[in-house]
Protein backbone atom coordinates (compact mmCIF):
# COMPACT_ATOMS: atom_id res chain seq x y z
CA UNK A 1 -93.85 -89.27 -4.59
CA UNK A 2 -96.32 -90.42 -1.96
CA UNK A 3 -99.17 -88.29 -0.83
CA UNK A 4 -97.80 -87.35 2.71
CA UNK A 5 -94.69 -86.19 1.36
CA UNK A 6 -96.54 -83.87 -0.97
CA UNK A 7 -98.44 -82.10 1.73
CA UNK A 8 -95.18 -81.58 3.68
CA UNK A 9 -93.54 -79.97 0.98
CA UNK A 10 -96.77 -77.92 0.04
CA UNK A 11 -96.96 -76.87 3.57
CA UNK A 12 -93.30 -75.75 3.37
CA UNK A 13 -93.60 -73.90 0.28
CA UNK A 14 -96.92 -72.24 1.58
CA UNK A 15 -95.14 -71.17 4.90
CA UNK A 16 -92.10 -69.73 2.91
CA UNK A 17 -94.33 -67.77 0.63
CA UNK A 18 -96.57 -66.39 3.39
CA UNK A 19 -93.47 -64.90 5.11
CA UNK A 20 -93.19 -62.56 2.11
CA UNK A 21 -95.27 -59.36 2.64
CA UNK A 22 -95.58 -58.84 -0.98
CA UNK A 23 -97.67 -62.07 -1.83
CA UNK A 24 -99.08 -62.47 1.63
CA UNK A 25 -102.43 -61.17 0.69
CA UNK A 26 -102.74 -63.35 -2.51
CA UNK A 27 -103.16 -66.52 -0.40
CA UNK A 28 -106.45 -67.96 0.04
CA UNK A 29 -105.80 -69.27 3.46
CA UNK A 30 -104.27 -66.38 5.07
CA UNK A 31 -106.17 -64.03 7.03
CA UNK A 32 -106.57 -61.02 4.93
CA UNK A 33 -107.83 -58.91 8.02
CA UNK A 34 -104.63 -59.02 9.69
CA UNK A 35 -103.48 -55.42 10.48
CA UNK A 36 -100.32 -54.00 9.66
CA UNK A 37 -97.30 -55.44 11.94
CA UNK A 38 -95.05 -53.32 13.97
CA UNK A 39 -91.79 -52.63 11.91
CA UNK A 40 -88.65 -51.45 13.53
CA UNK A 41 -87.73 -48.15 12.71
CA UNK A 42 -84.36 -47.74 10.70
CA UNK A 43 -82.78 -46.43 14.00
CA UNK A 44 -83.84 -49.49 15.83
CA UNK A 45 -82.59 -52.26 13.44
CA UNK A 46 -79.75 -54.11 14.77
CA UNK A 47 -77.20 -55.92 12.31
CA UNK A 48 -76.89 -59.57 12.89
CA UNK A 49 -72.99 -58.80 12.21
CA UNK A 50 -72.72 -56.37 15.12
CA UNK A 51 -69.97 -58.18 16.74
CA UNK A 52 -67.77 -57.44 13.73
CA UNK A 53 -65.95 -54.50 15.64
CA UNK A 54 -65.02 -51.59 13.75
CA UNK A 55 -62.02 -49.29 14.43
CA UNK A 56 -62.75 -45.58 15.06
CA UNK A 57 -60.56 -42.74 16.25
CA UNK A 58 -60.92 -41.88 19.77
CA UNK A 59 -62.71 -38.56 20.53
CA UNK A 60 -60.52 -38.14 23.47
CA UNK A 61 -57.46 -37.84 21.05
CA UNK A 62 -59.11 -35.80 18.48
CA UNK A 63 -56.61 -33.14 17.38
CA UNK A 64 -54.01 -34.19 20.02
CA UNK A 65 -50.18 -34.38 19.22
CA UNK A 66 -47.96 -37.45 20.22
CA UNK A 67 -44.28 -37.74 20.67
CA UNK A 68 -42.07 -39.37 18.26
CA UNK A 69 -38.24 -39.67 18.99
CA UNK A 70 -35.57 -38.19 16.72
CA UNK A 71 -33.92 -40.65 14.23
CA UNK A 72 -30.86 -42.43 15.39
CA UNK A 73 -28.16 -43.94 13.08
CA UNK A 74 -28.23 -47.55 12.27
CA UNK A 75 -24.64 -49.40 12.14
CA UNK A 76 -26.09 -52.82 12.18
CA UNK A 77 -29.33 -54.75 11.11
CA UNK A 78 -28.52 -58.02 12.22
CA UNK A 79 -31.92 -59.75 12.75
CA UNK A 80 -35.03 -59.65 10.62
CA UNK A 81 -36.59 -56.94 12.94
CA UNK A 82 -33.04 -55.12 13.30
CA UNK A 83 -32.41 -56.58 16.66
CA UNK A 84 -33.55 -59.50 18.87
CA UNK A 85 -36.53 -57.69 20.26
CA UNK A 86 -37.52 -56.50 16.74
CA UNK A 87 -37.85 -52.84 18.12
CA UNK A 88 -36.64 -50.84 15.41
CA UNK A 89 -37.41 -47.39 16.67
CA UNK A 90 -36.83 -44.09 14.29
CA UNK A 91 -33.78 -44.59 12.12
CA UNK A 92 -31.74 -42.32 9.99
CA UNK A 93 -32.38 -43.83 6.17
CA UNK A 94 -33.06 -42.74 2.68
CA UNK A 95 -33.06 -39.06 3.52
CA UNK A 96 -33.00 -38.11 -0.18
CA UNK A 97 -35.41 -40.94 -1.07
CA UNK A 98 -33.68 -41.75 -4.42
CA UNK A 99 -32.62 -45.22 -5.77
CA UNK A 100 -28.83 -45.60 -5.21
CA UNK A 101 -28.46 -48.82 -7.18
CA UNK A 102 -30.38 -52.15 -8.08
CA UNK A 103 -28.76 -55.63 -8.05
CA UNK A 104 -30.10 -59.03 -9.17
CA UNK A 105 -29.50 -61.66 -6.35
CA UNK A 106 -30.85 -64.93 -7.91
CA UNK A 107 -34.16 -66.60 -8.34
CA UNK A 108 -37.28 -64.78 -8.25
CA UNK A 109 -40.96 -65.90 -6.81
CA UNK A 110 -42.79 -68.04 -8.94
CA UNK A 111 -45.33 -71.13 -8.28
CA UNK A 112 -42.69 -73.17 -7.17
CA UNK A 113 -40.56 -70.76 -5.03
CA UNK A 114 -41.08 -67.59 -2.95
CA UNK A 115 -38.73 -64.92 -1.92
CA UNK A 116 -39.37 -64.55 1.63
CA UNK A 117 -36.23 -63.69 3.62
CA UNK A 118 -35.86 -60.15 5.10
CA UNK A 119 -32.36 -58.67 4.60
CA UNK A 120 -30.10 -58.26 7.28
CA UNK A 121 -26.72 -56.05 7.35
CA UNK A 122 -23.35 -55.80 9.50
CA UNK A 123 -19.70 -54.81 8.55
CA UNK A 124 -20.45 -53.26 5.35
CA UNK A 125 -22.58 -55.97 3.94
CA UNK A 126 -26.09 -56.72 3.03
CA UNK A 127 -27.01 -60.24 3.23
CA UNK A 128 -30.13 -61.47 1.40
CA UNK A 129 -31.51 -64.77 0.07
CA UNK A 130 -33.42 -65.70 -3.38
CA UNK A 131 -36.17 -68.00 -3.83
CA UNK A 132 -33.93 -70.87 -3.81
CA UNK A 133 -32.00 -70.56 -0.80
CA UNK A 134 -28.83 -69.20 -2.28
CA UNK A 135 -27.43 -66.52 0.25
CA UNK A 136 -25.61 -63.52 -1.29
CA UNK A 137 -23.28 -60.94 0.38
CA UNK A 138 -23.54 -57.61 -1.16
CA UNK A 139 -21.29 -54.63 -0.63
CA UNK A 140 -23.66 -51.95 1.01
CA UNK A 141 -22.11 -49.07 -0.76
CA UNK A 142 -21.64 -50.44 -4.20
CA UNK A 143 -23.92 -53.38 -4.63
CA UNK A 144 -21.19 -55.38 -5.78
CA UNK A 145 -21.65 -59.03 -4.76
CA UNK A 146 -18.80 -60.29 -2.64
CA UNK A 147 -19.82 -64.09 -2.47
CA UNK A 148 -22.68 -66.42 -2.82
CA UNK A 149 -23.50 -69.62 -1.05
CA UNK A 150 -26.48 -71.99 -1.92
CA UNK A 151 -27.75 -73.88 1.39
CA UNK A 152 -29.60 -77.18 1.85
CA UNK A 153 -27.74 -78.97 -1.01
CA UNK A 154 -27.89 -82.39 0.83
CA UNK A 155 -31.97 -81.99 1.09
CA UNK A 156 -32.05 -81.37 -2.87
CA UNK A 157 -29.80 -84.22 -3.65
CA UNK A 158 -31.81 -86.66 -1.43
CA UNK A 159 -34.90 -86.23 -3.84
CA UNK A 160 -37.07 -84.93 -0.80
CA UNK A 161 -37.52 -81.57 -2.28
CA UNK A 162 -41.11 -80.34 -2.25
CA UNK A 163 -42.65 -76.89 -2.78
CA UNK A 164 -46.14 -75.42 -2.03
CA UNK A 165 -48.19 -74.01 0.85
CA UNK A 166 -47.18 -75.15 4.21
CA UNK A 167 -49.25 -78.27 5.56
CA UNK A 168 -48.21 -79.55 8.71
CA UNK A 169 -46.96 -82.73 9.71
CA UNK A 170 -44.91 -85.14 7.54
CA UNK A 171 -46.45 -83.96 4.33
CA UNK A 172 -45.43 -80.21 4.86
CA UNK A 173 -43.69 -78.24 1.59
CA UNK A 174 -40.36 -77.08 1.73
CA UNK A 175 -37.92 -75.62 -0.57
CA UNK A 176 -38.84 -71.91 -0.08
CA UNK A 177 -38.73 -69.50 2.87
CA UNK A 178 -36.19 -69.18 5.56
CA UNK A 179 -33.99 -66.23 6.35
CA UNK A 180 -30.81 -65.03 7.93
CA UNK A 181 -29.44 -63.29 11.20
CA UNK A 182 -25.71 -62.03 11.51
CA UNK A 183 -23.67 -62.56 15.11
CA UNK A 184 -20.25 -63.37 15.82
CA UNK A 185 -18.74 -62.99 12.37
CA UNK A 186 -21.27 -65.63 11.09
CA UNK A 187 -24.50 -65.64 8.72
CA UNK A 188 -27.06 -67.79 10.27
CA UNK A 189 -29.29 -69.11 7.63
CA UNK A 190 -32.63 -71.18 8.04
CA UNK A 191 -34.32 -72.87 4.95
CA UNK A 192 -36.96 -74.93 3.41
CA UNK A 193 -34.64 -77.49 2.64
CA UNK A 194 -34.83 -78.81 6.29
CA UNK A 195 -31.56 -77.16 7.52
CA UNK A 196 -30.10 -74.40 9.55
CA UNK A 197 -26.59 -73.54 8.75
CA UNK A 198 -23.91 -71.16 9.89
CA UNK A 199 -21.68 -69.47 7.23
CA UNK A 200 -18.56 -67.65 7.60
CA UNK A 201 -19.81 -63.96 6.95
CA UNK A 202 -16.50 -63.13 5.48
CA UNK A 203 -16.23 -65.94 2.82
CA UNK A 204 -19.66 -67.58 3.00
CA UNK A 205 -18.01 -70.93 3.91
CA UNK A 206 -20.15 -73.40 5.89
CA UNK A 207 -19.21 -73.50 9.53
CA UNK A 208 -21.79 -76.10 10.62
CA UNK A 209 -25.14 -77.22 9.47
CA UNK A 210 -28.27 -78.58 11.52
CA UNK A 211 -30.50 -80.69 9.73
CA UNK A 212 -34.19 -80.51 10.88
CA UNK A 213 -37.00 -83.11 10.09
CA UNK A 214 -39.21 -80.37 8.71
CA UNK A 215 -38.97 -77.24 6.49
CA UNK A 216 -38.21 -73.97 8.32
CA UNK A 217 -40.01 -70.99 6.51
CA UNK A 218 -39.33 -68.26 9.19
CA UNK A 219 -36.12 -66.42 9.82
CA UNK A 220 -33.71 -67.25 12.66
CA UNK A 221 -33.46 -65.18 15.64
CA UNK A 222 -29.94 -65.13 17.50
CA UNK A 223 -29.41 -64.26 21.33
CA UNK A 224 -27.71 -65.13 24.31
CA UNK A 225 -25.74 -67.70 22.29
CA UNK A 226 -28.67 -69.46 20.66
CA UNK A 227 -30.16 -69.68 17.24
CA UNK A 228 -34.07 -69.77 17.41
CA UNK A 229 -36.27 -71.19 14.51
CA UNK A 230 -39.72 -72.72 14.11
CA UNK A 231 -40.61 -75.52 11.70
CA UNK A 232 -43.83 -75.81 9.92
CA UNK A 233 -45.16 -78.24 12.45
CA UNK A 234 -44.91 -75.17 15.06
CA UNK A 235 -41.81 -76.76 16.71
CA UNK A 236 -39.66 -74.11 18.18
CA UNK A 237 -35.94 -75.25 18.21
CA UNK A 238 -33.20 -73.78 20.06
CA UNK A 239 -29.47 -74.56 18.70
CA UNK A 240 -26.19 -73.79 20.08
CA UNK A 241 -24.69 -70.79 18.14
CA UNK A 242 -20.98 -71.90 18.37
CA UNK A 243 -21.86 -75.68 17.34
CA UNK A 244 -25.30 -76.10 15.84
CA UNK A 245 -25.95 -78.71 18.48
CA UNK A 246 -29.97 -78.69 19.51
CA UNK A 247 -30.39 -77.17 23.11
CA UNK A 248 -34.05 -77.71 23.48
CA UNK A 249 -37.37 -77.82 21.84
CA UNK A 250 -40.93 -76.66 22.32
CA UNK A 251 -43.86 -77.87 20.45
CA UNK A 252 -46.99 -75.61 19.88
CA UNK A 253 -50.39 -76.52 18.51
CA UNK A 254 -50.11 -78.14 15.13
CA UNK A 255 -51.85 -75.85 12.46
CA UNK A 256 -52.07 -77.33 8.90
CA UNK A 257 -52.31 -73.93 7.21
CA UNK A 258 -50.36 -70.68 7.32
CA UNK A 259 -49.94 -67.31 5.70
CA UNK A 260 -47.07 -67.02 3.00
CA UNK A 261 -45.10 -64.81 5.30
CA UNK A 262 -41.89 -65.27 7.21
CA UNK A 263 -42.32 -64.34 10.96
CA UNK A 264 -39.56 -64.93 13.82
CA UNK A 265 -39.00 -65.24 17.49
CA UNK A 266 -38.36 -62.08 19.78
CA UNK A 267 -36.12 -62.36 22.51
CA UNK A 268 -35.63 -59.91 25.53
CA UNK A 269 -33.16 -61.14 28.22
CA UNK A 270 -33.91 -64.77 28.99
CA UNK A 271 -37.56 -64.39 27.74
CA UNK A 272 -38.30 -65.91 24.45
CA UNK A 273 -41.45 -64.90 22.93
CA UNK A 274 -42.38 -67.45 20.28
CA UNK A 275 -45.37 -66.75 17.48
CA UNK A 276 -47.07 -69.75 16.08
CA UNK A 277 -49.60 -70.47 12.99
CA UNK A 278 -52.07 -71.56 15.60
CA UNK A 279 -52.28 -68.04 16.91
CA UNK A 280 -50.46 -68.97 20.13
CA UNK A 281 -47.97 -66.38 21.70
CA UNK A 282 -45.89 -68.29 24.01
CA UNK A 283 -43.20 -66.97 26.47
CA UNK A 284 -40.54 -69.27 27.52
CA UNK A 285 -37.28 -69.37 29.35
CA UNK A 286 -34.22 -69.19 27.05
CA UNK A 287 -32.19 -71.36 29.37
CA UNK A 288 -34.39 -74.49 29.21
CA UNK A 289 -37.63 -73.98 27.01
CA UNK A 290 -40.05 -74.09 29.90
CA UNK A 291 -43.01 -72.16 29.19
CA UNK A 292 -44.05 -69.02 31.30
CA UNK A 293 -47.53 -67.87 29.78
CA UNK A 294 -49.51 -68.55 26.81
CA UNK A 295 -51.89 -66.06 25.12
CA UNK A 296 -54.15 -67.11 22.03
CA UNK A 297 -54.73 -64.20 19.37
CA UNK A 298 -57.65 -65.86 17.49
CA UNK A 299 -61.15 -64.45 16.44
CA UNK A 300 -63.54 -66.00 14.01
CA UNK A 301 -65.30 -63.73 11.53
CA UNK A 302 -68.70 -64.29 9.77
CA UNK A 303 -67.61 -62.20 6.93
CA UNK A 304 -64.03 -63.42 6.20
CA UNK A 305 -63.25 -67.20 5.65
CA UNK A 306 -59.73 -66.20 6.13
CA UNK A 307 -60.16 -65.66 9.57
CA UNK A 308 -60.02 -69.22 10.31
CA UNK A 309 -56.12 -68.93 9.70
CA UNK A 310 -54.87 -67.87 13.10
CA UNK A 311 -51.39 -67.39 11.72
CA UNK A 312 -49.11 -64.86 13.64
CA UNK A 313 -47.53 -63.92 10.35
CA UNK A 314 -45.87 -60.60 11.50
CA UNK A 315 -43.05 -60.65 13.88
CA UNK A 316 -44.08 -59.90 17.45
CA UNK A 317 -42.00 -56.97 18.77
CA UNK A 318 -41.01 -56.16 22.31
CA UNK A 319 -40.68 -52.72 23.63
CA UNK A 320 -40.57 -51.23 27.11
CA UNK A 321 -41.64 -54.29 28.81
CA UNK A 322 -44.46 -55.20 26.49
CA UNK A 323 -44.90 -57.59 23.53
CA UNK A 324 -47.15 -56.17 20.66
CA UNK A 325 -48.37 -58.94 18.42
CA UNK A 326 -51.22 -59.14 15.64
CA UNK A 327 -52.67 -62.18 14.06
CA UNK A 328 -54.15 -62.83 10.74
CA UNK A 329 -57.67 -63.79 12.27
CA UNK A 330 -58.10 -60.27 13.59
CA UNK A 331 -56.75 -59.58 17.05
CA UNK A 332 -53.84 -57.37 18.20
CA UNK A 333 -52.75 -57.04 21.71
CA UNK A 334 -50.29 -55.44 24.09
CA UNK A 335 -49.10 -57.99 26.47
CA UNK A 336 -47.12 -57.63 29.78
CA UNK A 337 -43.84 -59.63 29.04
CA UNK A 338 -43.63 -61.11 32.57
CA UNK A 339 -46.98 -62.10 33.03
CA UNK A 340 -48.60 -62.23 29.53
CA UNK A 341 -51.47 -60.09 30.68
CA UNK A 342 -53.29 -58.10 27.82
CA UNK A 343 -52.86 -54.27 28.43
CA UNK A 344 -55.40 -53.68 25.69
CA UNK A 345 -56.85 -55.42 22.78
CA UNK A 346 -58.11 -54.02 19.25
CA UNK A 347 -59.72 -56.06 16.41
CA UNK A 348 -57.04 -55.44 13.85
CA UNK A 349 -55.81 -58.61 11.51
CA UNK A 350 -52.59 -58.26 10.06
CA UNK A 351 -49.45 -59.79 8.59
CA UNK A 352 -47.04 -57.26 9.34
CA UNK A 353 -44.99 -56.55 12.46
CA UNK A 354 -46.31 -53.61 14.58
CA UNK A 355 -44.02 -50.57 15.06
CA UNK A 356 -43.95 -49.01 18.68
CA UNK A 357 -42.08 -46.00 18.82
CA UNK A 358 -42.43 -42.81 20.98
CA UNK A 359 -46.02 -42.57 22.30
CA UNK A 360 -47.57 -44.48 19.68
CA UNK A 361 -47.62 -48.05 17.85
CA UNK A 362 -48.36 -48.09 14.13
CA UNK A 363 -49.90 -51.02 12.26
CA UNK A 364 -50.97 -52.01 9.14
CA UNK A 365 -54.21 -54.45 8.48
CA UNK A 366 -54.34 -57.01 6.05
CA UNK A 367 -56.93 -54.71 4.24
CA UNK A 368 -54.28 -52.02 4.09
CA UNK A 369 -55.60 -49.56 6.71
CA UNK A 370 -52.82 -47.82 8.39
CA UNK A 371 -53.74 -47.24 12.24
CA UNK A 372 -51.83 -45.32 14.91
CA UNK A 373 -52.47 -46.31 18.43
CA UNK A 374 -51.80 -44.94 22.05
CA UNK A 375 -49.48 -47.43 23.27
CA UNK A 376 -50.65 -47.04 26.87
CA UNK A 377 -54.43 -46.98 26.54
CA UNK A 378 -54.86 -48.60 23.09
CA UNK A 379 -56.92 -45.87 21.87
CA UNK A 380 -56.66 -44.73 18.22
CA UNK A 381 -55.39 -41.38 17.00
CA UNK A 382 -56.28 -41.95 13.32
CA UNK A 383 -56.74 -44.45 10.46
CA UNK A 384 -55.97 -43.98 6.87
CA UNK A 385 -56.79 -46.39 4.04
CA UNK A 386 -53.58 -46.85 1.96
CA UNK A 387 -55.32 -48.35 -0.87
CA UNK A 388 -57.63 -45.22 -1.37
CA UNK A 389 -57.40 -44.75 -5.25
CA UNK A 390 -55.40 -47.76 -5.78
CA UNK A 391 -58.27 -50.45 -5.94
CA UNK A 392 -58.71 -51.46 -9.67
CA UNK A 393 -60.83 -54.07 -11.08
CA UNK A 394 -59.45 -56.86 -13.62
CA UNK A 395 -60.89 -59.52 -15.78
CA UNK A 396 -64.58 -59.54 -17.02
CA UNK A 397 -63.74 -60.77 -20.61
CA UNK A 398 -67.01 -62.66 -21.29
CA UNK A 399 -70.21 -60.61 -20.22
CA UNK A 400 -68.51 -59.28 -17.13
CA UNK A 401 -67.68 -62.88 -15.77
CA UNK A 402 -64.33 -63.39 -13.94
CA UNK A 403 -63.95 -59.79 -12.79
CA UNK A 404 -61.95 -59.27 -9.70
CA UNK A 405 -60.94 -56.68 -7.40
CA UNK A 406 -57.33 -56.21 -6.80
CA UNK A 407 -56.38 -54.57 -3.63
CA UNK A 408 -52.55 -53.99 -3.14
CA UNK A 409 -50.89 -55.58 0.02
CA UNK A 410 -48.45 -53.49 2.09
CA UNK A 411 -45.38 -54.58 3.79
CA UNK A 412 -43.99 -52.26 6.85
CA UNK A 413 -43.74 -49.79 8.01
CA UNK A 414 -40.29 -48.32 9.16
CA UNK A 415 -40.04 -45.05 10.40
CA UNK A 416 -36.98 -43.71 8.57
CA UNK A 417 -35.72 -40.08 8.58
CA UNK A 418 -39.22 -38.62 9.71
CA UNK A 419 -40.96 -40.59 6.94
CA UNK A 420 -43.32 -43.67 7.68
CA UNK A 421 -42.20 -45.98 4.87
CA UNK A 422 -43.94 -48.85 3.10
CA UNK A 423 -43.83 -51.05 0.21
CA UNK A 424 -46.43 -52.81 -1.74
CA UNK A 425 -47.31 -55.43 -4.27
CA UNK A 426 -47.64 -52.76 -6.96
CA UNK A 427 -43.96 -52.34 -6.95
CA UNK A 428 -44.06 -48.97 -5.01
CA UNK A 429 -42.24 -47.59 -1.95
CA UNK A 430 -44.28 -44.95 -0.42
CA UNK A 431 -43.53 -42.35 2.36
CA UNK A 432 -46.21 -40.92 4.61
CA UNK A 433 -46.17 -38.15 7.26
CA UNK A 434 -46.11 -40.07 10.43
CA UNK A 435 -48.06 -37.49 12.48
CA UNK A 436 -50.94 -36.93 9.83
CA UNK A 437 -50.74 -40.15 7.43
CA UNK A 438 -50.65 -37.86 4.20
CA UNK A 439 -48.55 -39.08 1.48
CA UNK A 440 -45.45 -37.35 0.99
CA UNK A 441 -43.10 -39.25 -1.46
CA UNK A 442 -43.16 -42.46 -3.75
CA UNK A 443 -40.80 -44.52 -5.73
CA UNK A 444 -41.13 -46.95 -8.38
CA UNK A 445 -39.26 -50.33 -7.43
CA UNK A 446 -40.10 -52.11 -10.66
CA UNK A 447 -41.46 -55.13 -9.26
CA UNK A 448 -43.95 -56.41 -6.20
CA UNK A 449 -42.39 -56.01 -2.86
CA UNK A 450 -43.71 -58.08 0.11
CA UNK A 451 -40.82 -57.81 2.54
CA UNK A 452 -40.55 -54.63 4.81
CA UNK A 453 -37.32 -52.55 4.12
CA UNK A 454 -34.21 -52.71 6.35
CA UNK A 455 -32.01 -49.84 7.43
CA UNK A 456 -28.44 -49.64 7.50
CA UNK A 457 -25.70 -46.93 7.28
CA UNK A 458 -28.15 -44.29 6.14
CA UNK A 459 -29.80 -46.22 3.23
CA UNK A 460 -32.97 -48.50 3.17
CA UNK A 461 -32.71 -51.93 1.35
CA UNK A 462 -35.58 -53.62 0.03
CA UNK A 463 -35.77 -57.01 -1.75
CA UNK A 464 -38.45 -57.31 -4.56
CA UNK A 465 -40.48 -60.46 -5.72
CA UNK A 466 -38.27 -60.80 -8.56
CA UNK A 467 -35.16 -61.35 -6.67
CA UNK A 468 -33.51 -57.98 -6.74
CA UNK A 469 -32.03 -55.83 -3.97
CA UNK A 470 -32.56 -52.06 -4.13
CA UNK A 471 -30.80 -49.28 -2.15
CA UNK A 472 -32.52 -46.14 -1.57
CA UNK A 473 -30.63 -43.36 -0.35
């Protein structure tokens, strides 16, 4: 090492050590007569992470009540979010909060496949899809299987079947995901096998199939004679409901990584609200796909690498002229459906659909925090940590190495018969008081659940990760 480099390194080391108060006086070339330096008091210290906003209840709302409408009967749950607007409201369901029956529906989730499709229901039947794109029609009252149909067979036979996390472009994974919607006596099915199909709701026979260039991991939305799906390259595709012919397409910004949750489009009148894994929320005309406005729900966090994933994995919800949407990266907004102008914004990151009902909006964050928001102002009534007492540590078999903290993930909520109901990765369905957030009841599902329950004819239906449909009365 030459002499100049040694001098540079020595000077760098001396400067580093001199900056430490505990050894500064030991250095011969530092002025020992330097007096004490001014140090900020504890109250004056400013965290370099101050920009990481924290949720806090509004003092103005402390102790104030809020209005919730009474529960209403649900005679059809035809879309992943009950209807095209995904506005579920307060439903009559699971008044006794007991398990009526359980039914295996097919392949469970594992390293190669995922159960991701929310159940839908109409005409006395619940329609579900397993981890290998097999659709089952199940009698809602008894749990008896009426028919089964596997979609995307041609894709499998062609040898192009792939699995894995969604990676945009031609290398996108497929084989899992998708979902269903019911309309006009048909079950519309999207799948990771690059297809959208219409099945006869009574028999399961294929009416038409539209092959797509890339896998579809989200559930379809049906409205105004069209079927809307989004492929893994963030292309929104509108298909004619009667024929399966393509009406128009719209391409969002390509995002190569996304959350393993199935979102879907929301539609109100002639406005289509499309969520993309890029964090975009785009409003388009249903007739021709022309964009009306766009908003990006994106926020980068220094303390969370996953904030780089901007995916809007929870369904956006349209209610009273506003769009409520939350992104994985930590932005929740209420947007005017006509203009896209934000009414309010909160630093909440989540993968579940918000639940606007009455005077408030309920939302569960990705860390398991349940928050109740005033829908007009964005002020917070209260928050509750759903994982309080549920966090555990696993591993640590060799001198504590390999330890990891396990925090349950939650899906929902649904407001059913005056209970706020959620399911979690620990295999529980848990009910909370919608006014106070206190837990009121719990059921053992027997397996992890990552899909929010659907309500139909007085019951809640939930699909577990093991490929089992459970009816709760």
